[in-house]
Amino acid sequence: MKLALKGVLAGPDFLFKLERRSDKPGIYPIGQYELASRLSYFLWSTMPDDELNTLAAQGRLQDPKVLTAQVDRMLDDPRSRAFTGTFIGQWLGTQDLGGRLAPMLTELQAYYTPPVAADLRAEPILLFERVLGENRSILELLTADYTYMTDRLVKFYQLEEHFKDFRGNQPQLVKWPDNRRAGVMNSGAVMAITSHYRQTSPVLRGAWVLETLLGTPVPPPPPDVPALPAVKCEENCAETAKTAVGMRSRILAHRVNPSCTACHNLMDPIGFALENFDWTGRWREKEFDGSPIDASGTLPSGEKFNGAAELRQVLLERKEEFLRHLTGKLLGYALGRSLQDGDSCTVQRLAETLQKDDYRARTIIREIVLSVPFRNSQGGQVAIEAPPPPPPKRTTPMVVK
């Protein structure tokens, strides 16, 4: 009996979520129970419930009206938090905040603790949940002038003067008191994971905006280019601060190398606009050496901006790129695989449908579920290309050796 049970538990049918393919070439609808499973693992990260299984048994799940109704039901269910939390953490890269990235340090314990790190991770997730739950515009991920605050975050963001009556550590919906922050880009979590230890990084931040928000890949640096020298200065080290060179000056000196110029001209202006956020994600007015921060930037295409608020407007003007990239990320998450060349038409159609419906968030989820790749499988022998090797890392953000 033990041997038989071991065989069951170690079998592929038990360990994996399998989908049977037809041996004949062509596009075929996946089975009812397979569709129920695909939908459930997309929005709940778990197995189908009784209602999905009943619809599958009745052969009704491939009906577009039934699928649409199930999407709304599942998004309204608390189990959808598995989707919002996992997707946002993977897409933004904030799931490691408080662990491998932005570790807990004794010197920061007055305002940065494990519960604060958890609140920072939850902040963009709760924003996404509101956008989905109330079917708001997906562009609010770039422009939302509100967030979910706890008493811990009020102290972290140094906003006690604006939220004097704020009490408790249950997240509460509040409006930002100014335009310094909006959407997910300027959240404390994102600003922290795109920094080094005790040092901001315009390069990492610029690359993050290009790759994560606009889907513009940034090539790795040439192997013979030296890393940017770190500033070995304690926060209260007055002697070092007298001779220290500001981050902007060091970046400009570093990119004199002709092999670095092309990429840096694209990344650095974006990162300079975010220099008012320090390496932990809090607001600052001056460099560590006391000099005022120059947050101006100009892209090679000519757009000029000064500070995070103006940078957000530039990104909003390129919302088609943002929507297409986000749509591709959501489709890949739903399918559980990397996108292929043949998926580009689906992504384009989904993005156009979203635009026609005033960018309503639930529209993109419904259209993904109704799409051909989600409801069908490709029969015959499908060539599977080996994934390309990951590019070498530029740096390791905020890791304390």
Protein backbone atom coordinates (compact mmCIF):
# COMPACT_ATOMS: atom_id res chain seq x y z
CA MET A 1 0.00 0.00 0.00
CA LYS A 2 2.83 2.40 0.83
CA LEU A 3 4.56 1.70 -2.48
CA ALA A 4 1.34 2.29 -4.41
CA LEU A 5 0.69 5.55 -2.55
CA LYS A 6 4.24 6.73 -3.24
CA GLY A 7 3.69 6.05 -6.92
CA VAL A 8 0.52 8.15 -6.92
CA LEU A 9 2.08 11.07 -5.05
CA ALA A 10 5.16 11.11 -7.29
CA GLY A 11 3.20 10.78 -10.55
CA PRO A 12 3.01 13.70 -13.02
CA ASP A 13 -0.80 13.58 -12.98
CA PHE A 14 -0.71 14.37 -9.26
CA LEU A 15 2.18 16.85 -9.22
CA PHE A 16 1.31 18.94 -12.27
CA LYS A 17 -1.70 20.72 -13.72
CA LEU A 18 -1.83 18.84 -17.02
CA GLU A 19 -3.72 19.82 -20.15
CA ARG A 20 -4.17 17.22 -22.86
CA ARG A 21 -3.32 18.22 -26.44
CA SER A 22 -4.77 16.82 -29.62
CA ASP A 23 -2.36 14.89 -31.81
CA LYS A 24 -3.76 16.63 -34.89
CA PRO A 25 -2.44 20.07 -35.88
CA GLY A 26 -4.83 22.95 -35.29
CA ILE A 27 -6.49 25.02 -32.59
CA TYR A 28 -8.87 23.14 -30.30
CA PRO A 29 -10.99 24.23 -27.31
CA ILE A 30 -9.59 22.89 -24.06
CA GLY A 31 -11.77 20.61 -21.95
CA GLN A 32 -14.41 21.95 -19.59
CA TYR A 33 -12.58 20.89 -16.45
CA GLU A 34 -9.28 22.12 -17.86
CA LEU A 35 -10.87 25.51 -18.51
CA ALA A 36 -12.29 25.56 -14.98
CA SER A 37 -8.83 24.80 -13.62
CA ARG A 38 -7.12 27.38 -15.83
CA LEU A 39 -9.60 30.07 -14.74
CA SER A 40 -9.37 29.18 -11.07
CA TYR A 41 -5.58 29.12 -10.95
CA PHE A 42 -5.51 32.45 -12.81
CA LEU A 43 -7.76 34.36 -10.41
CA TRP A 44 -7.56 32.32 -7.19
CA SER A 45 -4.28 30.41 -7.39
CA THR A 46 -6.10 27.26 -6.28
CA MET A 47 -8.40 24.52 -7.56
CA PRO A 48 -11.91 25.20 -8.93
CA ASP A 49 -14.80 25.48 -6.48
CA ASP A 50 -18.12 23.63 -6.66
CA GLU A 51 -19.75 26.21 -8.95
CA LEU A 52 -16.97 26.01 -11.54
CA ASN A 53 -17.00 22.20 -11.41
CA THR A 54 -20.79 22.15 -11.80
CA LEU A 55 -20.63 24.41 -14.86
CA ALA A 56 -17.87 22.22 -16.28
CA ALA A 57 -19.98 19.10 -15.72
CA GLN A 58 -22.85 20.79 -17.55
CA GLY A 59 -20.57 21.72 -20.46
CA ARG A 60 -21.35 25.44 -20.11
CA LEU A 61 -17.98 27.01 -19.33
CA GLN A 62 -17.07 27.75 -22.95
CA ASP A 63 -20.14 30.01 -23.21
CA PRO A 64 -18.82 33.62 -23.28
CA LYS A 65 -21.69 34.90 -21.12
CA VAL A 66 -21.05 32.24 -18.50
CA LEU A 67 -17.31 32.93 -18.51
CA THR A 68 -17.86 36.68 -18.14
CA ALA A 69 -20.19 36.14 -15.18
CA GLN A 70 -17.66 33.82 -13.54
CA VAL A 71 -14.87 36.37 -13.92
CA ASP A 72 -16.92 38.99 -12.06
CA ARG A 73 -17.92 36.50 -9.37
CA MET A 74 -14.34 35.38 -8.83
CA LEU A 75 -12.93 38.91 -8.74
CA ASP A 76 -15.51 39.82 -6.09
CA ASP A 77 -14.45 36.84 -3.98
CA PRO A 78 -11.75 37.41 -1.30
CA ARG A 79 -9.78 34.55 -2.86
CA SER A 80 -8.88 36.89 -5.74
CA ARG A 81 -6.35 38.52 -3.38
CA ALA A 82 -4.04 35.64 -4.29
CA PHE A 83 -4.04 36.97 -7.85
CA THR A 84 -3.61 40.65 -7.02
CA GLY A 85 -0.87 40.03 -4.48
CA THR A 86 1.13 37.57 -6.56
CA PHE A 87 0.82 39.47 -9.84
CA ILE A 88 1.75 42.88 -8.41
CA GLY A 89 4.67 41.43 -6.45
CA GLN A 90 6.05 39.69 -9.54
CA TRP A 91 5.38 42.53 -11.97
CA LEU A 92 6.80 45.33 -9.82
CA GLY A 93 9.47 43.19 -8.16
CA THR A 94 8.39 44.24 -4.67
CA GLN A 95 7.76 40.75 -3.26
CA ASP A 96 11.29 40.55 -1.82
CA LEU A 97 11.17 43.89 0.02
CA GLY A 98 12.19 43.40 3.63
CA GLY A 99 14.12 40.23 2.89
CA ARG A 100 16.73 39.99 0.16
CA LEU A 101 16.03 43.60 -0.86
CA ALA A 102 16.04 46.47 1.63
CA PRO A 103 16.96 44.20 4.56
CA MET A 104 16.18 44.97 8.16
CA LEU A 105 18.97 47.10 9.63
CA THR A 106 19.41 48.18 13.22
CA GLU A 107 20.23 51.71 12.14
CA LEU A 108 16.78 52.07 10.52
CA GLN A 109 14.68 50.44 13.23
CA ALA A 110 13.24 53.79 14.35
CA TYR A 111 11.07 53.88 11.22
CA TYR A 112 11.78 50.77 9.11
CA THR A 113 10.76 47.45 10.68
CA PRO A 114 9.37 44.13 9.37
CA PRO A 115 5.75 45.34 9.81
CA VAL A 116 6.59 48.53 7.89
CA ALA A 117 8.13 46.47 5.08
CA ALA A 118 4.93 44.38 4.97
CA ASP A 119 2.83 47.58 4.75
CA LEU A 120 5.03 48.86 1.92
CA ARG A 121 4.63 45.59 0.01
CA ALA A 122 0.86 45.75 0.50
CA GLU A 123 0.49 49.37 -0.63
CA PRO A 124 0.56 48.80 -4.45
CA ILE A 125 -1.42 45.57 -4.03
CA LEU A 126 -4.27 47.38 -2.28
CA LEU A 127 -4.21 50.03 -4.99
CA PHE A 128 -4.60 47.35 -7.67
CA GLU A 129 -7.38 45.67 -5.67
CA ARG A 130 -9.34 48.92 -5.56
CA VAL A 131 -8.89 49.50 -9.29
CA LEU A 132 -10.14 45.97 -10.01
CA GLY A 133 -12.84 45.87 -7.35
CA GLU A 134 -14.46 49.14 -8.46
CA ASN A 135 -13.66 48.63 -12.15
CA ARG A 136 -11.70 51.88 -12.31
CA SER A 137 -9.32 52.96 -15.03
CA ILE A 138 -6.18 50.82 -15.21
CA LEU A 139 -4.28 54.07 -15.82
CA GLU A 140 -4.70 54.82 -12.10
CA LEU A 141 -1.74 52.50 -11.62
CA LEU A 142 0.20 55.49 -12.96
CA THR A 143 -1.88 58.42 -11.73
CA ALA A 144 -3.78 57.47 -8.53
CA ASP A 145 -3.61 60.34 -6.03
CA TYR A 146 -4.61 58.02 -3.19
CA THR A 147 -3.08 55.14 -1.28
CA TYR A 148 -3.73 52.84 1.67
CA MET A 149 -2.01 54.08 4.80
CA THR A 150 -1.33 52.63 8.24
CA ASP A 151 -0.09 54.44 11.32
CA ARG A 152 3.30 52.83 10.67
CA LEU A 153 3.38 54.18 7.11
CA VAL A 154 2.38 57.65 8.27
CA LYS A 155 5.52 57.72 10.40
CA PHE A 156 7.65 56.12 7.67
CA TYR A 157 6.57 58.72 5.09
CA GLN A 158 6.94 61.49 7.71
CA LEU A 159 3.36 62.64 7.21
CA GLU A 160 2.33 63.02 10.86
CA GLU A 161 1.52 66.69 10.29
CA HIS A 162 -0.95 65.85 7.50
CA PHE A 163 -2.59 62.87 9.25
CA LYS A 164 -2.71 64.03 12.87
CA ASP A 165 -5.85 62.05 13.69
CA PHE A 166 -4.76 58.85 11.97
CA ARG A 167 -4.91 55.86 14.29
CA GLY A 168 -4.41 52.11 13.88
CA ASN A 169 -2.52 49.84 11.55
CA GLN A 170 -5.41 48.54 9.48
CA PRO A 171 -4.89 49.95 5.95
CA GLN A 172 -7.15 52.93 5.31
CA LEU A 173 -7.82 54.72 2.05
CA VAL A 174 -6.34 58.23 2.10
CA LYS A 175 -5.46 60.89 -0.41
CA TRP A 176 -1.84 61.95 -0.79
CA PRO A 177 -1.42 65.46 0.66
CA ASP A 178 0.58 66.64 -2.38
CA ASN A 179 1.67 65.49 -5.85
CA ARG A 180 5.00 64.01 -4.78
CA ARG A 181 3.65 60.49 -5.08
CA ALA A 182 1.01 58.87 -7.26
CA GLY A 183 0.33 55.39 -8.61
CA VAL A 184 2.76 52.52 -8.14
CA MET A 185 5.94 54.14 -9.50
CA ASN A 186 6.60 56.39 -6.51
CA SER A 187 5.55 53.95 -3.80
CA GLY A 188 8.11 53.48 -1.07
CA ALA A 189 8.53 49.82 -2.02
CA VAL A 190 9.49 50.56 -5.64
CA MET A 191 11.85 53.38 -4.68
CA ALA A 192 13.57 51.11 -2.14
CA ILE A 193 14.09 48.10 -4.42
CA THR A 194 15.62 50.34 -7.10
CA SER A 195 18.33 51.67 -4.78
CA HIS A 196 21.65 50.51 -3.39
CA TYR A 197 22.60 50.34 0.24
CA ARG A 198 22.75 53.94 1.52
CA GLN A 199 22.67 55.20 -2.04
CA THR A 200 20.01 55.97 -4.60
CA SER A 201 20.47 54.69 -8.15
CA PRO A 202 19.14 56.77 -11.07
CA VAL A 203 20.36 54.00 -13.37
CA LEU A 204 18.35 51.25 -11.65
CA ARG A 205 15.30 53.47 -11.35
CA GLY A 206 15.44 54.55 -14.98
CA ALA A 207 15.86 50.95 -16.12
CA TRP A 208 12.96 49.87 -13.88
CA VAL A 209 10.60 52.43 -15.45
CA LEU A 210 11.63 51.45 -18.97
CA GLU A 211 11.42 47.70 -18.44
CA THR A 212 8.58 47.37 -15.92
CA LEU A 213 6.21 50.13 -17.02
CA LEU A 214 6.96 50.58 -20.72
CA GLY A 215 8.31 47.17 -21.71
CA THR A 216 11.51 48.64 -23.15
CA PRO A 217 14.36 46.21 -22.39
CA VAL A 218 17.66 47.73 -21.38
CA PRO A 219 20.78 45.80 -22.44
CA PRO A 220 23.37 44.89 -19.81
CA PRO A 221 26.49 47.05 -19.57
CA PRO A 222 29.66 46.06 -21.44
CA PRO A 223 31.82 43.71 -19.37
CA ASP A 224 34.76 46.11 -19.21
CA VAL A 225 32.83 49.05 -17.74
CA PRO A 226 33.64 49.62 -14.04
CA ALA A 227 30.81 49.94 -11.54
CA LEU A 228 29.88 53.34 -10.18
CA PRO A 229 32.03 53.99 -7.09
CA ALA A 230 30.05 53.85 -3.88
CA VAL A 231 30.04 56.70 -1.41
CA LYS A 232 31.49 55.50 1.86
CA CYS A 233 29.85 57.96 4.15
CA GLU A 234 27.75 57.61 7.26
CA GLU A 235 24.65 59.78 7.40
CA ASN A 236 26.23 62.07 9.98
CA CYS A 237 29.75 61.95 8.59
CA ALA A 238 30.40 65.67 8.10
CA GLU A 239 34.01 65.35 7.02
CA THR A 240 33.24 62.96 4.17
CA ALA A 241 30.24 65.02 3.08
CA LYS A 242 32.47 68.05 2.53
CA THR A 243 34.34 66.33 -0.32
CA ALA A 244 31.60 63.97 -1.55
CA VAL A 245 30.33 64.31 -5.09
CA GLY A 246 26.60 64.30 -5.73
CA MET A 247 24.95 61.32 -7.44
CA ARG A 248 24.10 63.27 -10.59
CA SER A 249 27.73 64.41 -11.05
CA ARG A 250 29.06 60.88 -10.57
CA ILE A 251 26.57 59.45 -13.08
CA LEU A 252 27.42 62.10 -15.67
CA ALA A 253 31.14 61.42 -15.21
CA HIS A 254 30.59 57.67 -15.42
CA ARG A 255 28.74 57.76 -18.71
CA VAL A 256 31.50 59.61 -20.58
CA ASN A 257 32.50 56.16 -21.81
CA PRO A 258 31.12 56.01 -25.40
CA SER A 259 29.96 52.43 -24.95
CA CYS A 260 27.71 53.56 -22.07
CA THR A 261 26.27 56.74 -23.52
CA ALA A 262 23.37 55.36 -25.59
CA CYS A 263 21.71 53.44 -22.76
CA HIS A 264 22.48 56.03 -20.08
CA ASN A 265 20.94 58.81 -22.17
CA LEU A 266 17.70 56.82 -22.00
CA MET A 267 17.81 55.64 -18.37
CA ASP A 268 19.48 58.44 -16.45
CA PRO A 269 17.03 61.31 -17.13
CA ILE A 270 14.19 59.16 -15.80
CA GLY A 271 16.19 58.22 -12.72
CA PHE A 272 17.24 61.83 -12.07
CA ALA A 273 13.56 62.81 -11.88
CA LEU A 274 13.17 60.39 -8.95
CA GLU A 275 16.17 61.61 -6.94
CA ASN A 276 13.94 63.27 -4.32
CA PHE A 277 13.27 59.77 -2.97
CA ASP A 278 16.10 58.46 -0.82
CA TRP A 279 17.41 54.89 -0.77
CA THR A 280 14.65 53.74 1.60
CA GLY A 281 11.88 55.44 -0.40
CA ARG A 282 11.36 58.49 1.83
CA TRP A 283 11.22 62.05 0.52
CA ARG A 284 14.25 64.32 0.75
CA GLU A 285 15.05 67.82 -0.44
CA LYS A 286 18.86 67.68 -0.49
CA GLU A 287 21.73 65.37 -1.41
CA PHE A 288 23.73 63.71 1.36
CA ASP A 289 26.33 66.46 0.97
CA GLY A 290 23.74 69.18 1.57
CA SER A 291 23.45 70.35 -2.02
CA PRO A 292 19.97 70.83 -3.55
CA ILE A 293 18.69 67.98 -5.71
CA ASP A 294 18.45 68.57 -9.44
CA ALA A 295 15.50 66.41 -10.55
CA SER A 296 15.39 67.63 -14.15
CA GLY A 297 15.79 65.37 -17.15
CA THR A 298 15.50 65.32 -20.93
CA LEU A 299 14.88 62.17 -22.96
CA PRO A 300 16.59 61.61 -26.33
CA SER A 301 13.16 62.06 -27.93
CA GLY A 302 13.00 65.61 -26.56
CA GLU A 303 10.57 65.34 -23.62
CA LYS A 304 11.66 67.50 -20.70
CA PHE A 305 10.52 67.13 -17.11
CA ASN A 306 11.47 68.15 -13.60
CA GLY A 307 10.60 65.82 -10.75
CA ALA A 308 8.36 62.80 -10.36
CA ALA A 309 5.08 64.63 -11.06
CA GLU A 310 6.20 65.83 -14.50
CA LEU A 311 7.73 62.44 -15.28
CA ARG A 312 4.34 60.81 -14.65
CA GLN A 313 2.79 63.12 -17.23
CA VAL A 314 5.40 62.03 -19.78
CA LEU A 315 4.58 58.38 -19.05
CA LEU A 316 0.88 59.12 -19.37
CA GLU A 317 1.51 60.48 -22.86
CA ARG A 318 3.00 57.08 -23.68
CA LYS A 319 0.08 55.15 -22.19
CA GLU A 320 -0.26 52.92 -25.27
CA GLU A 321 3.16 51.42 -24.51
CA PHE A 322 2.24 51.00 -20.86
CA LEU A 323 -1.10 49.35 -21.64
CA ARG A 324 0.38 46.98 -24.20
CA HIS A 325 3.14 45.90 -21.84
CA LEU A 326 0.79 45.47 -18.87
CA THR A 327 -1.63 43.51 -21.07
CA GLY A 328 1.18 41.17 -22.10
CA LYS A 329 2.18 40.64 -18.49
CA LEU A 330 -1.39 39.81 -17.47
CA LEU A 331 -1.87 37.45 -20.42
CA GLY A 332 1.37 35.62 -19.65
CA TYR A 333 0.38 35.32 -15.99
CA ALA A 334 -3.05 33.95 -16.95
CA LEU A 335 -1.58 31.38 -19.34
CA GLY A 336 1.24 30.40 -17.00
CA ARG A 337 3.87 30.67 -19.73
CA SER A 338 6.08 33.12 -21.55
CA LEU A 339 4.46 34.86 -24.50
CA GLN A 340 5.45 33.84 -28.02
CA ASP A 341 5.49 35.74 -31.30
CA GLY A 342 2.05 34.40 -32.15
CA ASP A 343 0.61 36.07 -29.04
CA SER A 344 1.41 39.59 -30.24
CA CYS A 345 -1.85 39.90 -32.20
CA THR A 346 -3.83 38.87 -29.12
CA VAL A 347 -2.02 41.42 -26.97
CA GLN A 348 -2.68 44.16 -29.52
CA ARG A 349 -6.37 43.29 -29.75
CA LEU A 350 -6.73 43.18 -25.97
CA ALA A 351 -5.05 46.59 -25.60
CA GLU A 352 -7.33 48.11 -28.25
CA THR A 353 -10.44 46.69 -26.57
CA LEU A 354 -9.30 48.10 -23.23
CA GLN A 355 -8.79 51.53 -24.76
CA LYS A 356 -12.29 51.52 -26.31
CA ASP A 357 -13.83 50.78 -22.89
CA ASP A 358 -12.17 53.76 -21.15
CA TYR A 359 -9.40 51.54 -19.76
CA ARG A 360 -11.72 49.77 -17.29
CA ALA A 361 -9.69 47.24 -15.33
CA ARG A 362 -12.16 44.36 -15.41
CA THR A 363 -12.41 44.63 -19.17
CA ILE A 364 -8.85 43.40 -19.61
CA ILE A 365 -9.41 40.44 -17.25
CA ARG A 366 -12.65 39.44 -19.02
CA GLU A 367 -11.08 39.77 -22.48
CA ILE A 368 -8.08 37.66 -21.47
CA VAL A 369 -10.39 34.89 -20.27
CA LEU A 370 -12.39 35.10 -23.52
CA SER A 371 -9.27 35.18 -25.72
CA VAL A 372 -8.26 32.38 -28.08
CA PRO A 373 -5.03 31.46 -26.23
CA PHE A 374 -6.84 31.16 -22.89
CA ARG A 375 -9.76 29.01 -24.11
CA ASN A 376 -7.88 26.86 -26.61
CA SER A 377 -4.78 24.75 -27.08
CA GLN A 378 -2.63 24.08 -30.11
CA GLY A 379 -2.65 20.52 -31.35
CA GLY A 380 0.12 18.56 -33.04
CA GLN A 381 3.82 18.71 -32.30
CA VAL A 382 4.59 22.16 -30.91
CA ALA A 383 8.19 23.23 -31.03
CA ILE A 384 9.27 24.55 -27.67
CA GLU A 385 12.16 26.95 -27.82
CA ALA A 386 14.63 26.95 -24.98
CA PRO A 387 14.39 30.22 -23.03
CA PRO A 388 17.31 32.58 -23.61
CA PRO A 389 19.85 32.83 -20.80
CA PRO A 390 19.13 35.70 -18.40
CA PRO A 391 21.22 38.83 -19.01
CA PRO A 392 23.94 39.54 -16.46
CA LYS A 393 22.75 41.73 -13.63
CA ARG A 394 23.83 45.34 -13.66
CA THR A 395 23.95 45.50 -9.88
CA THR A 396 22.36 43.91 -6.84
CA PRO A 397 20.08 46.54 -5.27
CA MET A 398 20.41 47.23 -1.57
CA VAL A 399 22.14 44.00 -0.60
CA VAL A 400 24.28 44.27 2.51
CA LYS A 401 27.26 41.93 2.31
